[in-house]
Structures are given as structure tokens and as C-alpha cells.
N, C-alpha and C. Protein backbone atom coordinates (compact mmCIF):
# COMPACT_ATOMS: atom_id res chain seq x y z
N MET A 1 -8.69 22.29 -13.75
CA MET A 1 -7.52 23.12 -13.18
C MET A 1 -6.57 23.85 -14.46
N ASN A 2 -6.23 25.05 -14.16
CA ASN A 2 -5.83 26.05 -14.91
C ASN A 2 -4.28 25.93 -15.23
N ASN A 3 -3.60 25.34 -14.13
CA ASN A 3 -2.16 25.38 -14.00
C ASN A 3 -1.58 24.64 -13.03
N LEU A 4 -0.33 24.36 -13.03
CA LEU A 4 0.30 23.41 -12.19
C LEU A 4 0.15 23.79 -10.60
N SER A 5 -0.01 24.92 -10.35
CA SER A 5 -0.20 25.24 -8.86
C SER A 5 -1.65 24.77 -8.71
N ASP A 6 -2.64 25.00 -9.37
CA ASP A 6 -3.77 24.46 -8.97
C ASP A 6 -3.95 22.87 -8.86
N TYR A 7 -3.21 22.26 -9.67
CA TYR A 7 -3.10 20.99 -9.66
C TYR A 7 -2.62 20.36 -8.44
N ALA A 8 -1.56 21.06 -8.15
CA ALA A 8 -0.64 20.71 -6.81
C ALA A 8 -1.66 21.19 -5.66
N SER A 9 -2.20 22.02 -5.85
CA SER A 9 -3.24 22.47 -4.61
C SER A 9 -4.51 21.54 -4.23
N ASN A 10 -4.82 21.01 -5.54
CA ASN A 10 -5.91 19.65 -5.53
C ASN A 10 -5.28 18.32 -4.87
N VAL A 11 -4.06 18.18 -5.14
CA VAL A 11 -3.27 17.06 -4.40
C VAL A 11 -3.10 17.13 -2.87
N CYS A 12 -2.75 18.52 -2.51
CA CYS A 12 -2.62 18.77 -1.16
C CYS A 12 -4.10 18.84 -0.52
N ASP A 13 -4.87 19.35 -1.23
CA ASP A 13 -6.42 19.18 -0.53
C ASP A 13 -6.99 17.85 -0.45
N LEU A 14 -6.58 16.80 -1.43
CA LEU A 14 -6.83 15.42 -1.19
C LEU A 14 -6.11 14.81 0.03
N ILE A 15 -4.77 15.20 0.17
CA ILE A 15 -3.91 14.44 1.21
C ILE A 15 -4.68 15.12 2.54
N ASN A 16 -5.21 16.17 2.76
CA ASN A 16 -5.71 16.69 3.84
C ASN A 16 -7.07 16.25 4.11
N LYS A 17 -7.61 15.58 3.31
CA LYS A 17 -8.99 15.18 3.31
C LYS A 17 -8.89 13.57 3.37
N THR A 18 -7.83 13.10 3.30
CA THR A 18 -7.70 11.52 3.26
C THR A 18 -8.32 11.20 4.61
N VAL A 19 -8.98 9.89 4.59
CA VAL A 19 -9.70 9.44 5.60
C VAL A 19 -8.67 8.06 5.94
N PHE A 20 -8.27 8.12 7.30
CA PHE A 20 -7.46 6.86 7.98
C PHE A 20 -8.53 6.25 8.84
N THR A 21 -8.62 4.88 8.65
CA THR A 21 -9.31 4.01 9.61
C THR A 21 -8.47 2.82 10.06
N ASP A 22 -8.75 2.47 11.10
CA ASP A 22 -8.20 1.12 11.77
C ASP A 22 -8.91 -0.15 11.22
N ALA A 23 -8.73 -1.28 11.90
CA ALA A 23 -9.38 -2.39 11.57
C ALA A 23 -10.75 -2.58 12.08
N ASN A 24 -11.12 -1.75 13.00
CA ASN A 24 -12.36 -1.58 13.56
C ASN A 24 -13.27 -0.75 12.56
N GLY A 25 -12.80 0.15 11.79
CA GLY A 25 -13.43 1.30 11.25
C GLY A 25 -13.22 2.67 11.86
N LYS A 26 -12.54 2.72 12.90
CA LYS A 26 -12.42 3.93 13.91
C LYS A 26 -11.58 4.88 12.89
N LYS A 27 -12.01 6.19 12.85
CA LYS A 27 -11.52 6.92 12.10
C LYS A 27 -10.37 7.77 12.99
N PHE A 28 -9.39 8.05 12.34
CA PHE A 28 -8.19 8.99 12.65
C PHE A 28 -7.97 10.16 11.61
N ASN A 29 -7.30 11.28 11.93
CA ASN A 29 -7.08 12.05 11.24
C ASN A 29 -5.77 11.50 10.54
N VAL A 30 -5.28 12.06 9.10
CA VAL A 30 -4.23 11.51 8.51
C VAL A 30 -2.69 11.52 9.04
N SER A 31 -2.65 12.40 9.85
CA SER A 31 -1.38 12.52 10.70
C SER A 31 -1.17 11.55 11.84
N ASP A 32 -2.33 11.32 12.37
CA ASP A 32 -2.26 10.12 13.47
C ASP A 32 -2.29 8.82 12.83
N GLY A 33 -3.09 8.57 11.57
CA GLY A 33 -2.90 7.61 11.07
C GLY A 33 -1.20 7.21 10.49
N THR A 34 -0.60 8.02 9.82
CA THR A 34 0.61 7.77 9.34
C THR A 34 1.50 7.49 10.56
N LYS A 35 1.33 8.09 11.64
CA LYS A 35 1.94 7.80 12.96
C LYS A 35 1.98 6.37 13.24
N LYS A 36 0.81 5.96 13.32
CA LYS A 36 0.38 4.16 13.32
C LYS A 36 1.12 3.47 12.45
N CYS A 37 1.17 3.89 11.26
CA CYS A 37 1.63 3.04 10.22
C CYS A 37 3.48 3.13 10.36
N LEU A 38 3.99 4.36 10.59
CA LEU A 38 5.38 4.41 11.06
C LEU A 38 5.82 3.62 12.12
N THR A 39 4.94 3.52 13.20
CA THR A 39 5.12 2.52 14.37
C THR A 39 5.19 1.08 14.04
N GLU A 40 3.96 0.56 13.01
CA GLU A 40 4.27 -0.74 12.56
C GLU A 40 5.52 -0.97 11.76
N LEU A 41 5.89 0.06 10.94
CA LEU A 41 6.86 -0.25 9.98
C LEU A 41 8.25 -0.12 10.82
N ASP A 42 8.25 0.53 11.70
CA ASP A 42 9.49 0.35 12.63
C ASP A 42 9.47 -1.04 13.41
N ASN A 43 8.19 -1.49 13.83
CA ASN A 43 8.34 -2.76 14.53
C ASN A 43 8.54 -3.90 13.80
N VAL A 44 8.51 -3.59 12.27
CA VAL A 44 8.72 -4.48 11.23
C VAL A 44 10.30 -4.56 11.19
N ARG A 45 10.94 -3.50 11.22
CA ARG A 45 12.38 -3.18 11.04
C ARG A 45 13.01 -4.12 12.26
N LYS A 46 12.45 -3.49 13.44
CA LYS A 46 13.20 -4.18 14.75
C LYS A 46 12.88 -5.58 14.76
N ARG A 47 11.91 -6.13 14.28
CA ARG A 47 11.82 -7.59 14.33
C ARG A 47 12.25 -8.41 13.34
N ASN A 48 13.07 -7.70 12.35
CA ASN A 48 13.65 -8.27 11.06
C ASN A 48 12.61 -9.10 10.36
N LYS A 49 11.55 -8.45 10.18
CA LYS A 49 10.45 -9.08 9.36
C LYS A 49 10.55 -8.34 7.96
N ASN A 50 9.47 -8.74 6.97
CA ASN A 50 9.36 -8.20 5.68
C ASN A 50 8.28 -7.27 5.42
N VAL A 51 8.36 -6.48 4.39
CA VAL A 51 7.33 -5.86 4.06
C VAL A 51 7.22 -6.39 2.56
N VAL A 52 6.03 -6.60 2.23
CA VAL A 52 5.42 -7.09 0.69
C VAL A 52 4.63 -5.79 0.41
N VAL A 53 4.99 -5.37 -0.82
CA VAL A 53 4.05 -4.21 -1.22
C VAL A 53 3.58 -4.78 -2.79
N VAL A 54 2.30 -4.52 -2.85
CA VAL A 54 1.55 -5.07 -4.11
C VAL A 54 0.81 -3.68 -4.77
N GLY A 55 0.55 -3.72 -5.98
CA GLY A 55 -0.31 -2.95 -6.82
C GLY A 55 -0.17 -3.18 -8.41
N ASN A 56 -1.06 -2.41 -9.08
CA ASN A 56 -1.27 -3.00 -10.59
C ASN A 56 -0.99 -1.34 -11.29
N GLY A 57 -0.39 -1.55 -12.41
CA GLY A 57 -0.02 -0.48 -13.26
C GLY A 57 0.45 0.58 -12.40
N GLY A 58 0.05 2.01 -12.45
CA GLY A 58 0.84 2.76 -11.58
C GLY A 58 1.13 2.62 -10.25
N SER A 59 0.14 1.96 -9.72
CA SER A 59 0.23 1.46 -8.33
C SER A 59 1.33 0.55 -8.05
N ALA A 60 1.69 -0.43 -9.11
CA ALA A 60 2.82 -1.10 -8.83
C ALA A 60 4.05 -0.44 -9.09
N ALA A 61 4.26 0.69 -9.80
CA ALA A 61 5.26 1.58 -9.95
C ALA A 61 5.37 2.15 -8.61
N ILE A 62 4.39 2.62 -7.89
CA ILE A 62 4.56 3.09 -6.56
C ILE A 62 4.92 2.00 -5.42
N ALA A 63 4.47 0.76 -5.77
CA ALA A 63 4.85 -0.31 -4.83
C ALA A 63 6.39 -0.61 -5.02
N SER A 64 6.92 -0.59 -6.48
CA SER A 64 8.57 -0.69 -6.40
C SER A 64 9.23 0.29 -5.82
N HIS A 65 8.92 1.58 -6.14
CA HIS A 65 9.68 2.51 -5.60
C HIS A 65 9.58 2.57 -4.14
N LEU A 66 8.38 2.33 -3.55
CA LEU A 66 8.55 2.09 -2.00
C LEU A 66 9.33 1.05 -1.29
N GLN A 67 9.32 -0.12 -2.30
CA GLN A 67 10.21 -1.18 -2.10
C GLN A 67 11.76 -0.81 -2.17
N ASN A 68 12.20 0.05 -2.85
CA ASN A 68 13.32 0.47 -3.16
C ASN A 68 13.66 1.30 -2.07
N ASP A 69 12.88 2.17 -1.73
CA ASP A 69 13.33 3.01 -0.68
C ASP A 69 13.19 2.61 0.86
N LEU A 70 12.54 1.37 1.06
CA LEU A 70 12.56 0.75 2.36
C LEU A 70 13.71 0.02 2.52
N VAL A 71 14.12 -0.74 1.51
CA VAL A 71 15.49 -1.58 1.37
C VAL A 71 16.60 -0.66 1.58
N LYS A 72 16.77 0.17 0.62
CA LYS A 72 18.09 1.09 0.41
C LYS A 72 17.92 2.08 1.71
N GLY A 73 17.03 2.73 1.75
CA GLY A 73 17.03 4.07 2.84
C GLY A 73 16.73 3.82 4.11
N CYS A 74 15.88 2.74 4.40
CA CYS A 74 15.34 2.41 5.79
C CYS A 74 15.88 1.10 6.45
N GLY A 75 16.50 0.33 5.45
CA GLY A 75 17.12 -1.11 6.14
C GLY A 75 15.91 -2.23 6.53
N ILE A 76 14.95 -1.92 5.66
CA ILE A 76 13.70 -2.82 6.05
C ILE A 76 13.63 -3.91 4.86
N ARG A 77 13.62 -5.08 5.24
CA ARG A 77 13.59 -6.15 3.98
C ARG A 77 12.07 -5.88 3.61
N SER A 78 12.26 -5.80 2.07
CA SER A 78 11.04 -5.67 1.39
C SER A 78 10.99 -6.21 0.07
N MET A 79 9.70 -6.77 -0.26
CA MET A 79 9.63 -7.55 -1.34
C MET A 79 8.41 -6.93 -2.42
N VAL A 80 8.50 -7.02 -3.63
CA VAL A 80 7.52 -6.72 -4.60
C VAL A 80 7.49 -8.05 -5.68
N PHE A 81 6.49 -8.41 -6.00
CA PHE A 81 6.48 -9.56 -7.08
C PHE A 81 6.01 -9.07 -8.42
N THR A 82 6.84 -8.23 -8.88
CA THR A 82 6.57 -7.71 -10.44
C THR A 82 7.52 -8.15 -11.56
N GLU A 83 8.35 -9.32 -10.93
CA GLU A 83 9.29 -9.82 -11.87
C GLU A 83 8.63 -10.48 -13.23
N GLN A 84 8.94 -10.26 -14.22
CA GLN A 84 8.35 -10.71 -15.59
C GLN A 84 8.25 -12.33 -15.64
N PRO A 85 8.83 -12.97 -15.40
CA PRO A 85 8.91 -14.34 -15.43
C PRO A 85 7.84 -14.94 -14.55
N LEU A 86 7.99 -14.57 -13.32
CA LEU A 86 7.05 -15.07 -12.32
C LEU A 86 5.52 -14.37 -12.69
N LEU A 87 5.43 -13.13 -12.83
CA LEU A 87 4.28 -12.51 -13.21
C LEU A 87 3.48 -13.23 -14.23
N THR A 88 4.13 -13.52 -15.42
CA THR A 88 3.55 -14.00 -16.83
C THR A 88 3.18 -15.56 -16.40
N ALA A 89 4.13 -16.19 -15.64
CA ALA A 89 3.96 -17.73 -15.44
C ALA A 89 2.52 -17.80 -14.68
N LEU A 90 2.42 -17.05 -13.54
CA LEU A 90 1.29 -16.89 -12.95
C LEU A 90 0.27 -16.58 -13.54
N THR A 91 0.37 -15.65 -14.32
CA THR A 91 -0.97 -15.21 -15.10
C THR A 91 -1.24 -16.11 -16.10
N ASN A 92 -0.41 -16.64 -16.77
CA ASN A 92 -0.62 -17.69 -17.86
C ASN A 92 -1.15 -18.87 -17.42
N ASP A 93 -0.80 -19.37 -16.28
CA ASP A 93 -1.21 -20.62 -15.59
C ASP A 93 -2.29 -20.73 -14.79
N LEU A 94 -2.35 -19.53 -14.03
CA LEU A 94 -3.39 -19.74 -12.84
C LEU A 94 -4.31 -18.32 -13.07
N GLY A 95 -3.92 -17.56 -13.93
CA GLY A 95 -4.80 -16.39 -13.92
C GLY A 95 -4.18 -15.07 -13.14
N TYR A 96 -4.59 -14.02 -13.53
CA TYR A 96 -4.24 -12.74 -12.97
C TYR A 96 -4.23 -12.42 -11.58
N GLU A 97 -5.53 -12.86 -11.21
CA GLU A 97 -6.06 -12.72 -9.70
C GLU A 97 -5.01 -13.54 -8.78
N THR A 98 -4.18 -14.21 -9.44
CA THR A 98 -3.44 -15.00 -8.35
C THR A 98 -1.82 -14.48 -8.05
N VAL A 99 -1.54 -13.22 -9.11
CA VAL A 99 -0.07 -12.93 -9.20
C VAL A 99 0.53 -12.53 -7.88
N TYR A 100 -0.28 -12.17 -7.03
CA TYR A 100 0.28 -11.72 -5.67
C TYR A 100 0.10 -12.85 -4.44
N GLU A 101 -1.31 -13.55 -4.54
CA GLU A 101 -1.80 -14.45 -3.74
C GLU A 101 -0.74 -15.51 -3.71
N ILE A 102 -0.32 -16.17 -4.68
CA ILE A 102 0.75 -17.36 -4.65
C ILE A 102 1.87 -17.04 -4.10
N PRO A 103 2.67 -16.06 -4.43
CA PRO A 103 3.98 -15.49 -3.70
C PRO A 103 3.92 -15.15 -2.34
N ILE A 104 2.64 -14.52 -2.01
CA ILE A 104 2.57 -14.26 -0.37
C ILE A 104 2.45 -15.67 0.12
N GLY A 105 1.74 -16.32 -0.41
CA GLY A 105 1.37 -17.68 0.40
C GLY A 105 2.59 -18.40 0.60
N VAL A 106 3.52 -18.22 -0.50
CA VAL A 106 4.90 -19.12 -0.32
C VAL A 106 5.92 -18.35 0.38
N MET A 107 6.16 -17.07 0.42
CA MET A 107 7.17 -16.24 1.04
C MET A 107 6.85 -15.53 2.02
N ALA A 108 5.72 -15.03 2.22
CA ALA A 108 5.60 -14.27 3.45
C ALA A 108 5.28 -15.02 4.83
N ASP A 109 5.48 -14.43 5.99
CA ASP A 109 5.34 -15.21 7.12
C ASP A 109 4.31 -14.40 8.17
N SER A 110 3.99 -14.91 9.13
CA SER A 110 3.19 -14.17 10.19
C SER A 110 4.17 -13.21 10.96
N GLY A 111 3.80 -12.04 11.25
CA GLY A 111 4.48 -10.56 11.66
C GLY A 111 4.96 -10.02 10.28
N ASP A 112 4.96 -10.44 9.34
CA ASP A 112 5.19 -9.60 8.16
C ASP A 112 4.11 -8.63 8.12
N LEU A 113 4.61 -7.65 6.91
CA LEU A 113 3.39 -6.52 6.76
C LEU A 113 3.28 -6.48 5.23
N LEU A 114 2.02 -6.42 4.91
CA LEU A 114 1.39 -6.04 3.55
C LEU A 114 1.16 -4.70 3.49
N ILE A 115 1.71 -4.09 2.37
CA ILE A 115 1.12 -2.73 1.85
C ILE A 115 0.44 -2.97 0.29
N ALA A 116 -0.89 -2.71 0.66
CA ALA A 116 -1.63 -2.91 -0.56
C ALA A 116 -2.20 -1.74 -1.26
N ILE A 117 -1.80 -1.32 -2.54
CA ILE A 117 -2.15 -0.06 -3.30
C ILE A 117 -2.86 -0.35 -4.25
N SER A 118 -4.10 0.23 -4.59
CA SER A 118 -5.24 0.13 -5.48
C SER A 118 -5.88 1.30 -5.72
N SER A 119 -5.92 2.12 -6.52
CA SER A 119 -6.71 3.21 -6.88
C SER A 119 -8.27 3.01 -6.82
N SER A 120 -8.68 2.02 -7.24
CA SER A 120 -10.20 1.55 -7.09
C SER A 120 -10.32 0.91 -5.78
N GLY A 121 -9.46 0.04 -5.40
CA GLY A 121 -9.70 -0.47 -4.19
C GLY A 121 -10.44 -1.76 -4.59
N GLN A 122 -10.70 -2.32 -5.79
CA GLN A 122 -11.45 -3.49 -6.30
C GLN A 122 -10.92 -4.28 -7.00
N SER A 123 -9.62 -4.34 -7.11
CA SER A 123 -8.71 -5.19 -8.11
C SER A 123 -8.77 -6.39 -7.17
N LYS A 124 -9.10 -7.53 -7.97
CA LYS A 124 -9.28 -9.05 -7.59
C LYS A 124 -8.03 -9.63 -7.05
N ASN A 125 -6.83 -9.31 -7.55
CA ASN A 125 -5.50 -9.74 -7.18
C ASN A 125 -5.06 -8.94 -5.98
N ILE A 126 -5.39 -7.78 -5.84
CA ILE A 126 -5.04 -7.09 -4.87
C ILE A 126 -5.72 -7.72 -3.41
N LEU A 127 -7.17 -7.75 -3.71
CA LEU A 127 -8.00 -8.11 -2.56
C LEU A 127 -7.69 -9.58 -2.22
N ASN A 128 -7.02 -10.78 -3.15
CA ASN A 128 -6.78 -11.97 -2.83
C ASN A 128 -5.32 -11.73 -1.86
N ALA A 129 -4.53 -10.93 -2.43
CA ALA A 129 -3.36 -10.90 -1.73
C ALA A 129 -3.70 -10.45 -0.34
N VAL A 130 -4.74 -9.63 0.05
CA VAL A 130 -4.90 -9.04 1.50
C VAL A 130 -5.70 -10.32 2.11
N LYS A 131 -6.28 -11.18 1.31
CA LYS A 131 -7.09 -12.18 2.01
C LYS A 131 -5.87 -13.37 2.47
N ILE A 132 -5.16 -13.58 1.79
CA ILE A 132 -3.88 -14.60 2.07
C ILE A 132 -3.01 -13.95 3.32
N ALA A 133 -2.93 -12.89 3.17
CA ALA A 133 -2.04 -12.05 4.08
C ALA A 133 -2.49 -12.23 5.40
N LEU A 134 -3.97 -11.97 5.53
CA LEU A 134 -4.79 -12.10 7.00
C LEU A 134 -4.67 -13.76 7.16
N THR A 135 -4.94 -14.76 6.51
CA THR A 135 -4.63 -16.07 6.90
C THR A 135 -3.25 -16.38 7.41
N LYS A 136 -2.45 -15.53 7.05
CA LYS A 136 -1.01 -15.66 7.62
C LYS A 136 -0.58 -14.80 8.75
N GLN A 137 -1.76 -14.24 9.18
CA GLN A 137 -1.39 -13.16 10.32
C GLN A 137 -0.40 -12.01 10.04
N MET A 138 -0.66 -11.65 8.98
CA MET A 138 0.38 -10.41 8.52
C MET A 138 -0.46 -9.14 8.95
N LYS A 139 0.16 -8.07 9.09
CA LYS A 139 -0.32 -6.67 9.42
C LYS A 139 -0.48 -6.31 7.79
N ILE A 140 -1.79 -5.44 7.75
CA ILE A 140 -1.96 -4.76 6.33
C ILE A 140 -2.19 -3.19 6.43
N ILE A 141 -1.58 -2.85 5.67
CA ILE A 141 -1.84 -1.19 5.40
C ILE A 141 -2.66 -1.29 4.00
N THR A 142 -3.57 -0.44 3.90
CA THR A 142 -4.12 -0.12 2.39
C THR A 142 -4.33 1.13 1.89
N LEU A 143 -4.13 1.39 0.64
CA LEU A 143 -4.07 2.92 0.19
C LEU A 143 -5.21 2.66 -0.82
N SER A 144 -6.31 3.41 -0.93
CA SER A 144 -7.16 3.10 -1.99
C SER A 144 -7.82 4.76 -2.36
N GLY A 145 -8.67 4.46 -3.35
CA GLY A 145 -9.68 5.74 -3.76
C GLY A 145 -10.79 5.34 -4.25
N PHE A 146 -11.27 6.21 -5.21
CA PHE A 146 -12.46 6.29 -6.13
C PHE A 146 -13.73 5.98 -5.18
N ASP A 147 -14.48 5.02 -5.10
CA ASP A 147 -15.77 4.70 -4.51
C ASP A 147 -15.39 4.63 -3.00
N SER A 148 -15.92 5.29 -2.08
CA SER A 148 -16.01 5.15 -0.49
C SER A 148 -16.34 3.83 -0.21
N GLY A 149 -17.11 3.10 -1.01
CA GLY A 149 -17.31 1.54 -0.33
C GLY A 149 -16.61 0.51 -0.95
N ASN A 150 -15.53 0.94 -1.60
CA ASN A 150 -14.64 -0.06 -2.19
C ASN A 150 -14.29 -1.06 -1.18
N PRO A 151 -13.96 -2.54 -1.54
CA PRO A 151 -13.71 -3.47 -0.38
C PRO A 151 -12.56 -3.35 0.37
N LEU A 152 -11.34 -2.92 -0.41
CA LEU A 152 -10.03 -2.89 0.21
C LEU A 152 -9.92 -1.91 1.25
N ARG A 153 -10.84 -0.95 1.15
CA ARG A 153 -10.76 0.09 2.47
C ARG A 153 -11.13 -0.32 3.78
N SER A 154 -11.63 -1.55 3.77
CA SER A 154 -12.15 -2.07 5.12
C SER A 154 -11.32 -3.29 5.52
N LEU A 155 -10.45 -3.86 4.82
CA LEU A 155 -9.82 -4.87 5.02
C LEU A 155 -8.46 -5.02 5.69
N GLY A 156 -7.90 -3.59 5.70
CA GLY A 156 -6.80 -3.62 6.41
C GLY A 156 -6.73 -3.29 8.09
N HIS A 157 -5.49 -3.36 8.47
CA HIS A 157 -5.55 -2.89 10.02
C HIS A 157 -5.16 -1.36 10.09
N PHE A 158 -4.65 -0.92 8.92
CA PHE A 158 -4.53 0.66 8.62
C PHE A 158 -4.96 0.92 7.33
N ASN A 159 -5.97 1.75 7.08
CA ASN A 159 -6.49 1.97 5.87
C ASN A 159 -6.44 3.53 5.56
N PHE A 160 -5.84 3.99 4.39
CA PHE A 160 -5.75 5.31 3.81
C PHE A 160 -6.83 5.11 2.70
N TYR A 161 -7.97 6.27 2.73
CA TYR A 161 -8.87 6.46 1.56
C TYR A 161 -8.96 7.66 1.09
N SER A 162 -8.80 7.96 -0.09
CA SER A 162 -8.73 9.53 -0.62
C SER A 162 -9.81 9.40 -1.45
N ASN A 163 -10.83 10.50 -1.52
CA ASN A 163 -12.11 10.56 -2.23
C ASN A 163 -11.85 11.42 -3.62
N THR A 164 -11.36 10.49 -4.68
CA THR A 164 -11.32 10.85 -6.00
C THR A 164 -11.37 9.75 -6.92
N SER A 165 -11.75 10.04 -8.05
CA SER A 165 -11.87 8.90 -9.12
C SER A 165 -10.98 9.20 -10.27
N GLU A 166 -10.05 10.28 -9.97
CA GLU A 166 -8.91 10.58 -11.06
C GLU A 166 -7.68 9.71 -10.83
N TYR A 167 -7.18 8.88 -11.65
CA TYR A 167 -6.03 8.20 -11.39
C TYR A 167 -4.93 8.94 -11.14
N GLY A 168 -4.62 10.10 -11.68
CA GLY A 168 -3.45 10.92 -11.68
C GLY A 168 -3.37 11.40 -10.19
N LEU A 169 -4.70 11.83 -9.71
CA LEU A 169 -4.61 12.40 -8.37
C LEU A 169 -4.42 11.41 -7.26
N ILE A 170 -5.07 10.37 -7.56
CA ILE A 170 -5.03 9.25 -6.47
C ILE A 170 -3.57 8.51 -6.35
N GLU A 171 -3.05 8.36 -7.58
CA GLU A 171 -1.67 7.87 -7.60
C GLU A 171 -0.58 8.95 -6.89
N ASN A 172 -0.98 10.14 -7.37
CA ASN A 172 0.00 11.23 -6.52
C ASN A 172 -0.24 11.23 -4.86
N VAL A 173 -1.44 11.06 -4.81
CA VAL A 173 -1.51 11.09 -3.04
C VAL A 173 -0.99 9.83 -2.60
N HIS A 174 -1.13 8.56 -3.05
CA HIS A 174 -0.58 7.45 -2.65
C HIS A 174 0.99 7.45 -2.60
N SER A 175 1.44 8.17 -3.63
CA SER A 175 2.98 8.32 -3.82
C SER A 175 3.54 9.17 -2.68
N ILE A 176 2.71 10.36 -2.59
CA ILE A 176 3.10 11.19 -1.50
C ILE A 176 3.07 10.62 0.00
N ILE A 177 2.06 9.80 0.17
CA ILE A 177 2.18 9.04 1.65
C ILE A 177 2.94 8.16 1.54
N THR A 178 3.25 7.30 0.67
CA THR A 178 4.47 6.13 0.76
C THR A 178 5.84 7.15 0.84
N HIS A 179 6.11 8.02 0.03
CA HIS A 179 7.23 8.93 0.12
C HIS A 179 7.57 9.54 1.78
N TYR A 180 6.29 9.73 2.16
CA TYR A 180 6.39 10.51 3.65
C TYR A 180 6.91 9.42 4.43
N LEU A 181 6.00 8.19 4.65
CA LEU A 181 6.37 7.06 5.40
C LEU A 181 7.84 6.60 5.13
N SER A 182 8.51 6.36 3.97
CA SER A 182 9.83 6.13 3.87
C SER A 182 10.85 7.12 4.25
N ASP A 183 10.55 8.43 3.98
CA ASP A 183 11.29 9.32 4.49
C ASP A 183 11.31 9.39 5.78
N SER A 184 10.26 9.43 6.48
CA SER A 184 10.01 9.53 8.06
C SER A 184 10.91 8.34 8.68
N LEU A 185 10.67 7.05 8.05
CA LEU A 185 11.45 6.16 8.57
C LEU A 185 13.11 6.14 8.37
N ARG A 186 13.57 6.81 7.16
CA ARG A 186 14.76 7.10 6.88
C ARG A 186 15.72 7.81 8.12
N LYS A 187 15.13 8.90 8.45
CA LYS A 187 15.59 9.65 9.60
C LYS A 187 15.58 8.91 10.93
N LYS A 188 14.91 7.78 11.06
CA LYS A 188 15.15 7.12 12.43
C LYS A 188 16.15 6.18 12.40
N VAL A 189 16.81 5.82 10.88
CA VAL A 189 17.70 4.68 10.99
C VAL A 189 19.21 5.04 11.58
């Protein structure tokens, strides 16, 4: 990339090539996929349920930003579990792979929605969060990248996959998708 315009063009290209699949692996274009997610998010709001958003590193920052937008702008109850005391207690006592699994097991309910964000789609703690969410009959939206065979990509009811192994690019794609979802929901409030 020679300049900012080239970089932005690459991000746009990745968004346009993002693959969306449902729980059965059926492919949809990204526009139809986002419509399905918007419908689910609106249903969560109407039923007064919760959205739980999880991620690590840059994906945790995207998760926190989305949680802020859902609560403040969209009137949707939303949680992230990145509070330092809880995070460090779980990590120290039970291992990092439990940092989302345990709080979801305690605080989430059937009918809630989990949004799992992982650049690689292979983070054990994110996969464990999805597994516990499935046992609680939560709906799941996943956003992932890197390897097309990553396990997260096939675990959700709604799955976004972008084919890049560059952290900055995949995080930008995930940020734009989550902003699109919250901005679109805000207009419905």
C-alpha cells in the first residue's frame, strides 16, 4: 500500500468480499447477512434481552465500543466482561480460557445474543464463550478472519468471515461491520 487511499480501498474490498454464512453453512452476500443480524438485534431489543460482546486485544476494544453504542445509542442492554478485577481473578484462578465462559454461564440467559469477535477465530476463550452460549440457547453472531477453516466461523447462527491475515485490516473490517449494525439500529430507535 502506497498511501491512505490504497489502504482504505483494501478495507472496502475486504468488506465487499466478506463471506456471511448461517448456522447451516448457507452463504449469503454481506448485505443480506447484515440484515439478518439487524433483525436479530432488533428482536433482542424488543424482548428486552441482553447482548454479550467478547473479544481479545483489539477485538476487545471493538467489543467495548459496540457495547457502548448498543446501550447509549440503541437502547439495547449489553455487557462486556473486560473489567480488570473480574478478568484478573478468573485468569489467575481458572485460566484465561475461562474469562468469558464463566461470566456468560452466570449472567446470560436463553434468548440473549452473543457477539464473538476474533481475528483468528481460534482463541480458546472465545470458543469456550460460544460453547457455553450454545448450551444456554443464546443466538450467536461471529466475526472472524485469517484461516478460512477457523473453528469460530462455523459455530454461530450468523457468521462473518473476511479473508485476511493482517490484524489491522481485519480489525478495521470488524469495526466497520459493528458500526454499521449499531448505526442502523440507532436509526430505528
